[in-house]
Amino acid sequence: MHTHIPTDLAAAVGAVAKSLAPDVARIRYTIGDDWSGRPAIHFRVVLSDDASQRPKLPAVTNRVEAAIRGRLDFGAMGLLDYYNFRSESECVVLKDEDW
């Protein structure tokens, strides 16, 4: 599968994160292969502690995924999209620099 990564990808992801504040603290991503070897983009989304609480969490994660998919054409890029979420508190405890 051929991938075509737009030059404004980082700006587009940043704009989505900004539009979803204060629920979204930041969005980072990596481009590589998924578990089956297909080209993929993996999003790491840090949510505010408030947005990470039930019953709010499902609506927030759905809104994040919809906003990213609405802004980016993964089919045209030749990528599958995957999402992982953590709260700001989890990031502080885990100290994972990739997040």
N, C-alpha and C. Protein backbone atom coordinates (compact mmCIF):
# COMPACT_ATOMS: atom_id res chain seq x y z
N MET A 1 0.85 -1.19 0.00
CA MET A 1 0.00 0.00 0.00
C MET A 1 0.88 1.24 0.00
N HIS A 2 0.57 2.18 -0.84
CA HIS A 2 1.35 3.41 -0.96
C HIS A 2 0.78 4.46 -0.01
N THR A 3 1.66 5.14 0.72
CA THR A 3 1.20 6.20 1.63
C THR A 3 1.55 7.57 1.07
N HIS A 4 0.68 8.51 1.34
CA HIS A 4 0.90 9.90 0.96
C HIS A 4 0.58 10.75 2.18
N ILE A 5 1.63 11.23 2.85
CA ILE A 5 1.47 12.01 4.06
C ILE A 5 1.45 13.49 3.70
N PRO A 6 0.36 14.20 4.02
CA PRO A 6 0.30 15.62 3.68
C PRO A 6 1.33 16.42 4.49
N THR A 7 1.85 17.46 3.87
CA THR A 7 2.87 18.28 4.53
C THR A 7 2.31 19.03 5.73
N ASP A 8 1.01 19.24 5.77
CA ASP A 8 0.41 19.98 6.88
C ASP A 8 -0.20 19.06 7.95
N LEU A 9 0.24 17.80 8.00
CA LEU A 9 -0.32 16.85 8.95
C LEU A 9 -0.17 17.33 10.39
N ALA A 10 1.02 17.75 10.77
CA ALA A 10 1.25 18.20 12.16
C ALA A 10 0.37 19.40 12.49
N ALA A 11 0.24 20.34 11.56
CA ALA A 11 -0.60 21.51 11.80
C ALA A 11 -2.07 21.11 11.93
N ALA A 12 -2.51 20.17 11.12
CA ALA A 12 -3.90 19.72 11.17
C ALA A 12 -4.20 19.03 12.51
N VAL A 13 -3.30 18.19 12.96
CA VAL A 13 -3.49 17.51 14.24
C VAL A 13 -3.47 18.53 15.38
N GLY A 14 -2.56 19.49 15.31
CA GLY A 14 -2.51 20.55 16.32
C GLY A 14 -3.78 21.37 16.36
N ALA A 15 -4.34 21.66 15.20
CA ALA A 15 -5.59 22.42 15.13
C ALA A 15 -6.75 21.64 15.75
N VAL A 16 -6.78 20.34 15.52
CA VAL A 16 -7.82 19.51 16.13
C VAL A 16 -7.68 19.54 17.65
N ALA A 17 -6.47 19.37 18.14
CA ALA A 17 -6.24 19.38 19.59
C ALA A 17 -6.69 20.71 20.18
N LYS A 18 -6.33 21.79 19.53
CA LYS A 18 -6.69 23.12 20.03
C LYS A 18 -8.22 23.31 20.03
N SER A 19 -8.88 22.79 19.01
CA SER A 19 -10.33 22.95 18.91
C SER A 19 -11.07 22.15 19.98
N LEU A 20 -10.43 21.13 20.53
CA LEU A 20 -11.07 20.28 21.53
C LEU A 20 -10.65 20.60 22.97
N ALA A 21 -9.83 21.64 23.13
CA ALA A 21 -9.43 22.08 24.48
C ALA A 21 -10.68 22.61 25.19
N PRO A 22 -10.80 22.49 26.47
CA PRO A 22 -9.82 21.99 27.43
C PRO A 22 -9.86 20.48 27.65
N ASP A 23 -10.75 19.77 26.98
CA ASP A 23 -10.82 18.31 27.17
C ASP A 23 -9.56 17.60 26.69
N VAL A 24 -8.95 18.11 25.61
CA VAL A 24 -7.74 17.51 25.05
C VAL A 24 -6.54 18.39 25.38
N ALA A 25 -5.56 17.79 26.05
CA ALA A 25 -4.34 18.52 26.39
C ALA A 25 -3.37 18.54 25.22
N ARG A 26 -3.23 17.38 24.55
CA ARG A 26 -2.36 17.31 23.36
C ARG A 26 -2.63 16.02 22.61
N ILE A 27 -2.22 16.03 21.35
CA ILE A 27 -2.30 14.84 20.50
C ILE A 27 -0.95 14.67 19.84
N ARG A 28 -0.40 13.49 19.97
CA ARG A 28 0.83 13.14 19.27
C ARG A 28 0.55 11.93 18.41
N TYR A 29 1.42 11.67 17.46
CA TYR A 29 1.20 10.54 16.56
C TYR A 29 2.51 10.00 16.05
N THR A 30 2.47 8.75 15.62
CA THR A 30 3.57 8.14 14.90
C THR A 30 2.99 7.42 13.69
N ILE A 31 3.78 7.34 12.65
CA ILE A 31 3.37 6.64 11.44
C ILE A 31 4.28 5.43 11.30
N GLY A 32 3.65 4.30 11.10
CA GLY A 32 4.39 3.04 10.97
C GLY A 32 3.43 1.97 10.50
N ASP A 33 3.68 0.76 10.89
CA ASP A 33 2.80 -0.35 10.52
C ASP A 33 1.96 -0.76 11.72
N ASP A 34 0.80 -1.33 11.43
CA ASP A 34 -0.01 -1.88 12.51
C ASP A 34 0.44 -3.32 12.76
N TRP A 35 -0.27 -4.04 13.59
CA TRP A 35 0.11 -5.40 13.98
C TRP A 35 0.17 -6.36 12.80
N SER A 36 -0.56 -6.03 11.73
CA SER A 36 -0.57 -6.92 10.58
C SER A 36 0.38 -6.48 9.46
N GLY A 37 1.13 -5.40 9.71
CA GLY A 37 2.08 -4.91 8.73
C GLY A 37 1.52 -3.88 7.77
N ARG A 38 0.27 -3.46 7.98
CA ARG A 38 -0.32 -2.43 7.11
C ARG A 38 0.07 -1.04 7.60
N PRO A 39 0.26 -0.09 6.68
CA PRO A 39 0.61 1.28 7.07
C PRO A 39 -0.47 1.88 7.96
N ALA A 40 -0.03 2.53 9.04
CA ALA A 40 -0.98 3.06 10.01
C ALA A 40 -0.44 4.33 10.67
N ILE A 41 -1.37 5.10 11.20
CA ILE A 41 -1.02 6.24 12.04
C ILE A 41 -1.62 5.96 13.42
N HIS A 42 -0.78 6.07 14.42
CA HIS A 42 -1.17 5.77 15.79
C HIS A 42 -1.20 7.09 16.58
N PHE A 43 -2.38 7.46 17.04
CA PHE A 43 -2.55 8.69 17.80
C PHE A 43 -2.47 8.40 19.30
N ARG A 44 -1.76 9.27 20.01
CA ARG A 44 -1.69 9.24 21.46
C ARG A 44 -2.32 10.53 21.96
N VAL A 45 -3.49 10.41 22.56
CA VAL A 45 -4.27 11.58 22.95
C VAL A 45 -4.25 11.70 24.47
N VAL A 46 -3.80 12.86 24.96
CA VAL A 46 -3.82 13.12 26.39
C VAL A 46 -5.05 13.97 26.69
N LEU A 47 -5.90 13.43 27.56
CA LEU A 47 -7.13 14.11 27.95
C LEU A 47 -6.96 14.77 29.31
N SER A 48 -7.71 15.82 29.55
CA SER A 48 -7.73 16.41 30.88
C SER A 48 -8.26 15.37 31.86
N ASP A 49 -7.94 15.53 33.11
CA ASP A 49 -8.44 14.58 34.11
C ASP A 49 -9.96 14.59 34.15
N ASP A 50 -10.55 15.77 33.97
CA ASP A 50 -12.01 15.87 33.98
C ASP A 50 -12.62 15.09 32.81
N ALA A 51 -12.05 15.24 31.64
CA ALA A 51 -12.58 14.56 30.44
C ALA A 51 -12.37 13.05 30.52
N SER A 52 -11.44 12.62 31.35
CA SER A 52 -11.13 11.19 31.47
C SER A 52 -12.08 10.45 32.41
N GLN A 53 -12.95 11.18 33.07
CA GLN A 53 -13.85 10.56 34.05
C GLN A 53 -15.12 10.08 33.38
N ARG A 54 -15.63 8.97 33.88
CA ARG A 54 -16.94 8.50 33.44
C ARG A 54 -17.96 9.40 34.08
N PRO A 55 -19.06 9.72 33.49
CA PRO A 55 -19.57 9.19 32.24
C PRO A 55 -19.12 9.99 31.01
N LYS A 56 -18.23 10.94 31.18
CA LYS A 56 -17.81 11.83 30.09
C LYS A 56 -16.89 11.16 29.06
N LEU A 57 -16.11 10.20 29.50
CA LEU A 57 -15.04 9.62 28.67
C LEU A 57 -15.49 9.09 27.31
N PRO A 58 -16.53 8.29 27.20
CA PRO A 58 -16.92 7.78 25.87
C PRO A 58 -17.27 8.90 24.89
N ALA A 59 -17.98 9.90 25.34
CA ALA A 59 -18.35 11.01 24.45
C ALA A 59 -17.12 11.79 24.00
N VAL A 60 -16.18 12.00 24.91
CA VAL A 60 -14.96 12.75 24.57
C VAL A 60 -14.12 11.96 23.57
N THR A 61 -13.91 10.67 23.80
CA THR A 61 -13.09 9.90 22.87
C THR A 61 -13.76 9.81 21.50
N ASN A 62 -15.05 9.66 21.46
CA ASN A 62 -15.77 9.65 20.17
C ASN A 62 -15.61 10.99 19.46
N ARG A 63 -15.70 12.09 20.20
CA ARG A 63 -15.56 13.42 19.61
C ARG A 63 -14.14 13.63 19.05
N VAL A 64 -13.14 13.15 19.77
CA VAL A 64 -11.76 13.28 19.31
C VAL A 64 -11.57 12.51 18.00
N GLU A 65 -12.00 11.25 17.99
CA GLU A 65 -11.83 10.44 16.78
C GLU A 65 -12.59 11.04 15.61
N ALA A 66 -13.80 11.51 15.84
CA ALA A 66 -14.60 12.11 14.76
C ALA A 66 -13.94 13.38 14.23
N ALA A 67 -13.38 14.19 15.12
CA ALA A 67 -12.75 15.45 14.70
C ALA A 67 -11.51 15.16 13.85
N ILE A 68 -10.71 14.18 14.26
CA ILE A 68 -9.51 13.83 13.49
C ILE A 68 -9.90 13.25 12.14
N ARG A 69 -10.86 12.34 12.15
CA ARG A 69 -11.30 11.74 10.88
C ARG A 69 -11.97 12.76 9.97
N GLY A 70 -12.59 13.76 10.55
CA GLY A 70 -13.22 14.81 9.76
C GLY A 70 -12.21 15.75 9.11
N ARG A 71 -11.04 15.82 9.71
CA ARG A 71 -10.00 16.74 9.22
C ARG A 71 -9.01 16.05 8.27
N LEU A 72 -8.82 14.75 8.47
CA LEU A 72 -7.80 14.04 7.70
C LEU A 72 -8.42 12.90 6.90
N ASP A 73 -7.96 12.72 5.68
CA ASP A 73 -8.47 11.67 4.81
C ASP A 73 -7.49 10.50 4.83
N PHE A 74 -7.73 9.57 5.75
CA PHE A 74 -6.81 8.46 5.91
C PHE A 74 -6.79 7.54 4.69
N GLY A 75 -7.91 7.42 4.00
CA GLY A 75 -7.95 6.63 2.78
C GLY A 75 -7.00 7.20 1.73
N ALA A 76 -7.02 8.51 1.56
CA ALA A 76 -6.12 9.16 0.60
C ALA A 76 -4.67 9.05 1.02
N MET A 77 -4.44 9.00 2.34
CA MET A 77 -3.07 8.88 2.84
C MET A 77 -2.58 7.44 2.77
N GLY A 78 -3.50 6.50 2.61
CA GLY A 78 -3.12 5.09 2.59
C GLY A 78 -2.79 4.56 3.97
N LEU A 79 -3.45 5.12 5.01
CA LEU A 79 -3.17 4.73 6.39
C LEU A 79 -4.43 4.29 7.11
N LEU A 80 -4.28 3.35 8.02
CA LEU A 80 -5.33 3.02 8.97
C LEU A 80 -5.08 3.88 10.21
N ASP A 81 -6.13 4.31 10.88
CA ASP A 81 -5.95 5.16 12.06
C ASP A 81 -6.30 4.40 13.33
N TYR A 82 -5.44 4.59 14.35
CA TYR A 82 -5.60 3.96 15.66
C TYR A 82 -5.46 5.03 16.74
N TYR A 83 -6.16 4.83 17.86
CA TYR A 83 -6.21 5.84 18.91
C TYR A 83 -5.96 5.21 20.27
N ASN A 84 -5.14 5.88 21.07
CA ASN A 84 -4.93 5.51 22.47
C ASN A 84 -5.10 6.79 23.29
N PHE A 85 -5.69 6.62 24.45
CA PHE A 85 -6.00 7.77 25.31
C PHE A 85 -5.41 7.56 26.70
N ARG A 86 -4.93 8.66 27.28
CA ARG A 86 -4.49 8.70 28.67
C ARG A 86 -4.93 10.02 29.27
N SER A 87 -5.04 10.03 30.58
CA SER A 87 -5.33 11.28 31.28
C SER A 87 -4.01 11.99 31.58
N GLU A 88 -4.10 13.27 31.89
CA GLU A 88 -2.90 14.02 32.27
C GLU A 88 -2.25 13.40 33.51
N SER A 89 -3.06 12.96 34.46
CA SER A 89 -2.53 12.33 35.68
C SER A 89 -1.77 11.05 35.35
N GLU A 90 -2.30 10.25 34.45
CA GLU A 90 -1.60 9.02 34.05
C GLU A 90 -0.24 9.36 33.44
N CYS A 91 -0.20 10.39 32.64
CA CYS A 91 1.07 10.78 32.00
C CYS A 91 2.11 11.21 33.03
N VAL A 92 1.66 11.89 34.07
CA VAL A 92 2.57 12.32 35.13
C VAL A 92 3.14 11.11 35.85
N VAL A 93 2.28 10.15 36.18
CA VAL A 93 2.71 8.95 36.90
C VAL A 93 3.60 8.07 36.03
N LEU A 94 3.22 7.87 34.76
CA LEU A 94 3.96 6.95 33.90
C LEU A 94 5.24 7.54 33.32
N LYS A 95 5.32 8.86 33.21
CA LYS A 95 6.53 9.55 32.73
C LYS A 95 7.05 8.98 31.42
N ASP A 96 6.14 8.72 30.48
CA ASP A 96 6.47 8.18 29.16
C ASP A 96 6.64 9.37 28.21
N GLU A 97 7.87 9.61 27.77
CA GLU A 97 8.18 10.78 26.96
C GLU A 97 7.46 10.78 25.61
N ASP A 98 7.07 9.60 25.11
CA ASP A 98 6.37 9.53 23.83
C ASP A 98 4.97 10.13 23.92
N TRP A 99 4.43 10.23 25.12
CA TRP A 99 3.09 10.78 25.29
C TRP A 99 3.17 12.25 25.49
